[in-house]
N, C-alpha and C. Protein backbone atom coordinates (compact mmCIF):
# COMPACT_ATOMS: atom_id res chain seq x y z
N MET A 1 -25.61 -182.57 100.04
CA MET A 1 -24.77 -183.64 99.65
C MET A 1 -25.55 -184.49 98.65
N ALA A 2 -24.87 -184.98 97.65
CA ALA A 2 -25.54 -185.80 96.64
C ALA A 2 -24.71 -187.04 96.36
N PHE A 3 -25.38 -188.15 96.22
CA PHE A 3 -24.75 -189.40 95.85
C PHE A 3 -25.49 -189.93 94.63
N GLY A 4 -24.77 -190.50 93.70
CA GLY A 4 -25.43 -191.03 92.53
C GLY A 4 -24.60 -192.06 91.83
N SER A 5 -25.18 -192.68 90.84
CA SER A 5 -24.51 -193.68 90.04
C SER A 5 -25.13 -193.66 88.66
N ASN A 6 -24.33 -193.96 87.68
CA ASN A 6 -24.89 -194.06 86.33
C ASN A 6 -25.36 -195.47 86.04
N ILE A 7 -25.26 -196.35 87.04
CA ILE A 7 -25.65 -197.74 86.84
C ILE A 7 -26.92 -198.02 87.64
N ARG A 8 -27.93 -198.47 86.98
CA ARG A 8 -29.18 -198.86 87.65
C ARG A 8 -29.24 -200.38 87.65
N SER A 9 -29.66 -200.99 86.59
CA SER A 9 -29.65 -202.45 86.50
C SER A 9 -28.77 -202.92 85.35
N ILE A 10 -28.49 -202.01 84.43
CA ILE A 10 -27.57 -202.29 83.33
C ILE A 10 -26.74 -201.03 83.10
N HIS A 11 -25.79 -201.08 82.26
CA HIS A 11 -24.82 -200.00 82.09
C HIS A 11 -25.29 -198.90 81.12
N TYR A 12 -26.48 -198.41 81.30
CA TYR A 12 -26.96 -197.29 80.50
C TYR A 12 -26.82 -196.00 81.30
N LEU A 13 -26.69 -194.89 80.62
CA LEU A 13 -26.52 -193.61 81.29
C LEU A 13 -27.83 -192.86 81.41
N ASN A 14 -28.96 -193.55 81.45
CA ASN A 14 -30.24 -192.88 81.64
C ASN A 14 -30.89 -193.38 82.92
N ASN A 15 -31.72 -192.55 83.49
CA ASN A 15 -32.47 -192.87 84.70
C ASN A 15 -31.57 -193.25 85.88
N PRO A 16 -30.52 -192.44 86.16
CA PRO A 16 -29.62 -192.80 87.25
C PRO A 16 -30.24 -192.51 88.62
N PRO A 17 -30.12 -193.42 89.57
CA PRO A 17 -30.59 -193.14 90.92
C PRO A 17 -29.69 -192.11 91.57
N THR A 18 -30.25 -191.12 92.23
CA THR A 18 -29.48 -190.06 92.87
C THR A 18 -30.12 -189.74 94.22
N LEU A 19 -29.30 -189.66 95.25
CA LEU A 19 -29.77 -189.35 96.60
C LEU A 19 -29.24 -187.98 96.98
N ILE A 20 -30.14 -187.11 97.43
CA ILE A 20 -29.76 -185.77 97.87
C ILE A 20 -30.14 -185.66 99.34
N SER A 21 -29.20 -185.23 100.17
CA SER A 21 -29.47 -185.09 101.61
C SER A 21 -28.91 -183.79 102.12
N GLY A 22 -29.31 -183.43 103.34
CA GLY A 22 -28.85 -182.18 103.94
C GLY A 22 -29.82 -181.06 103.62
N GLY A 23 -29.63 -179.93 104.23
CA GLY A 23 -30.58 -178.85 104.03
C GLY A 23 -29.96 -177.55 103.61
N GLY A 24 -28.69 -177.55 103.24
CA GLY A 24 -27.99 -176.32 102.95
C GLY A 24 -28.32 -175.66 101.64
N ALA A 25 -28.97 -176.35 100.73
CA ALA A 25 -29.23 -175.78 99.40
C ALA A 25 -30.67 -175.33 99.22
N ASN A 26 -31.41 -175.14 100.33
CA ASN A 26 -32.78 -174.68 100.26
C ASN A 26 -33.64 -175.58 99.37
N LEU A 27 -33.50 -176.90 99.60
CA LEU A 27 -34.24 -177.88 98.81
C LEU A 27 -35.33 -178.52 99.65
N LYS A 28 -36.37 -178.97 98.96
CA LYS A 28 -37.45 -179.72 99.61
C LYS A 28 -37.05 -181.20 99.54
N LEU A 29 -36.72 -181.76 100.71
CA LEU A 29 -36.25 -183.13 100.77
C LEU A 29 -37.36 -184.05 101.25
N GLY A 30 -37.06 -185.35 101.40
CA GLY A 30 -38.02 -186.31 101.90
C GLY A 30 -39.05 -186.72 100.86
N GLN A 31 -38.66 -186.76 99.62
CA GLN A 31 -39.58 -187.15 98.56
C GLN A 31 -38.86 -188.01 97.54
N ASN A 32 -39.61 -188.75 96.79
CA ASN A 32 -39.06 -189.55 95.71
C ASN A 32 -39.55 -188.94 94.40
N LEU A 33 -38.64 -188.38 93.63
CA LEU A 33 -39.02 -187.76 92.37
C LEU A 33 -38.60 -188.65 91.20
N VAL A 34 -39.46 -188.76 90.24
CA VAL A 34 -39.14 -189.40 88.97
C VAL A 34 -39.33 -188.32 87.92
N LEU A 35 -38.23 -187.85 87.37
CA LEU A 35 -38.29 -186.76 86.40
C LEU A 35 -38.64 -187.29 85.03
N ASN A 36 -39.14 -186.43 84.19
CA ASN A 36 -39.51 -186.81 82.83
C ASN A 36 -38.31 -187.37 82.08
N ALA A 37 -38.57 -188.32 81.21
CA ALA A 37 -37.51 -188.90 80.38
C ALA A 37 -36.81 -187.79 79.61
N GLY A 38 -35.51 -187.86 79.56
CA GLY A 38 -34.73 -186.86 78.83
C GLY A 38 -34.33 -185.66 79.66
N THR A 39 -34.76 -185.58 80.92
CA THR A 39 -34.37 -184.46 81.78
C THR A 39 -32.90 -184.63 82.15
N PRO A 40 -32.06 -183.64 81.83
CA PRO A 40 -30.64 -183.76 82.16
C PRO A 40 -30.42 -183.76 83.68
N LEU A 41 -29.51 -184.61 84.16
CA LEU A 41 -29.16 -184.60 85.57
C LEU A 41 -28.56 -183.25 85.96
N ASN A 42 -27.99 -182.55 85.00
CA ASN A 42 -27.44 -181.22 85.29
C ASN A 42 -28.52 -180.25 85.76
N ASN A 43 -29.79 -180.53 85.49
CA ASN A 43 -30.86 -179.69 86.03
C ASN A 43 -30.88 -179.77 87.56
N VAL A 44 -30.60 -180.96 88.10
CA VAL A 44 -30.54 -181.12 89.56
C VAL A 44 -29.36 -180.32 90.11
N TRP A 45 -28.21 -180.45 89.47
CA TRP A 45 -27.02 -179.71 89.93
C TRP A 45 -27.24 -178.21 89.84
N LEU A 46 -27.89 -177.75 88.79
CA LEU A 46 -28.20 -176.33 88.65
C LEU A 46 -29.11 -175.86 89.79
N THR A 47 -30.12 -176.66 90.12
CA THR A 47 -31.03 -176.33 91.22
C THR A 47 -30.26 -176.21 92.53
N MET A 48 -29.34 -177.14 92.76
CA MET A 48 -28.54 -177.10 93.98
C MET A 48 -27.61 -175.89 94.00
N LEU A 49 -26.97 -175.59 92.88
CA LEU A 49 -26.09 -174.41 92.81
C LEU A 49 -26.85 -173.13 93.13
N GLN A 50 -28.00 -172.97 92.50
CA GLN A 50 -28.80 -171.78 92.76
C GLN A 50 -29.29 -171.75 94.21
N GLY A 51 -29.55 -172.92 94.79
CA GLY A 51 -30.02 -173.01 96.16
C GLY A 51 -29.00 -172.55 97.18
N VAL A 52 -27.71 -172.66 96.85
CA VAL A 52 -26.67 -172.19 97.77
C VAL A 52 -26.19 -170.80 97.40
N GLY A 53 -26.87 -170.16 96.46
CA GLY A 53 -26.57 -168.76 96.14
C GLY A 53 -25.62 -168.52 94.99
N VAL A 54 -25.28 -169.56 94.24
CA VAL A 54 -24.42 -169.37 93.08
C VAL A 54 -25.29 -168.84 91.94
N ASN A 55 -24.95 -167.66 91.45
CA ASN A 55 -25.76 -166.98 90.45
C ASN A 55 -25.37 -167.45 89.05
N VAL A 56 -25.92 -168.59 88.62
CA VAL A 56 -25.66 -169.13 87.29
C VAL A 56 -27.00 -169.44 86.63
N GLU A 57 -27.03 -169.36 85.32
CA GLU A 57 -28.24 -169.67 84.57
C GLU A 57 -28.23 -171.07 83.99
N ARG A 58 -27.02 -171.64 83.80
CA ARG A 58 -26.88 -172.97 83.19
C ARG A 58 -25.77 -173.72 83.88
N HIS A 59 -25.84 -175.03 83.77
CA HIS A 59 -24.76 -175.91 84.22
C HIS A 59 -24.68 -177.05 83.21
N GLY A 60 -23.61 -177.08 82.44
CA GLY A 60 -23.48 -178.12 81.42
C GLY A 60 -24.63 -178.08 80.44
N ASP A 61 -25.30 -179.22 80.27
CA ASP A 61 -26.41 -179.29 79.32
C ASP A 61 -27.77 -179.07 79.98
N SER A 62 -27.79 -178.37 81.13
CA SER A 62 -29.05 -178.14 81.83
C SER A 62 -30.04 -177.37 80.96
N THR A 63 -31.30 -177.63 81.22
CA THR A 63 -32.37 -176.94 80.49
C THR A 63 -33.24 -176.12 81.43
N GLY A 64 -32.90 -176.10 82.71
CA GLY A 64 -33.65 -175.36 83.72
C GLY A 64 -33.52 -176.04 85.07
N VAL A 65 -34.19 -175.49 86.04
CA VAL A 65 -34.13 -176.06 87.39
C VAL A 65 -35.23 -177.10 87.57
N VAL A 66 -35.10 -177.90 88.61
CA VAL A 66 -36.13 -178.89 88.96
C VAL A 66 -37.00 -178.23 90.01
N SER A 67 -38.12 -177.70 89.59
CA SER A 67 -38.99 -176.91 90.48
C SER A 67 -39.50 -177.74 91.66
N GLN A 68 -39.66 -179.05 91.48
CA GLN A 68 -40.15 -179.90 92.57
C GLN A 68 -39.15 -179.99 93.72
N LEU A 69 -37.89 -179.65 93.46
CA LEU A 69 -36.85 -179.69 94.51
C LEU A 69 -36.75 -178.41 95.30
N LYS A 70 -37.24 -177.30 94.75
CA LYS A 70 -37.09 -176.01 95.41
C LYS A 70 -38.04 -175.88 96.58
N ALA A 71 -37.48 -175.50 97.75
CA ALA A 71 -38.29 -175.35 98.95
C ALA A 71 -39.07 -174.05 98.90
């Protein structure tokens, strides 16, 4: 499960806080990750899709998976 918002302290679409919970997507949870500037949020969604067995190489503007999330 994922919860997020595009609003942090002002109405910019960068650096959105996102909470991921549950264990169904084979993810390493219980950590606070700060991804490099410019990392598309779609990389997180791609990691989750692949974690539940969806065989896709891209999701939207993704550039790869977030290796720190993979269990």
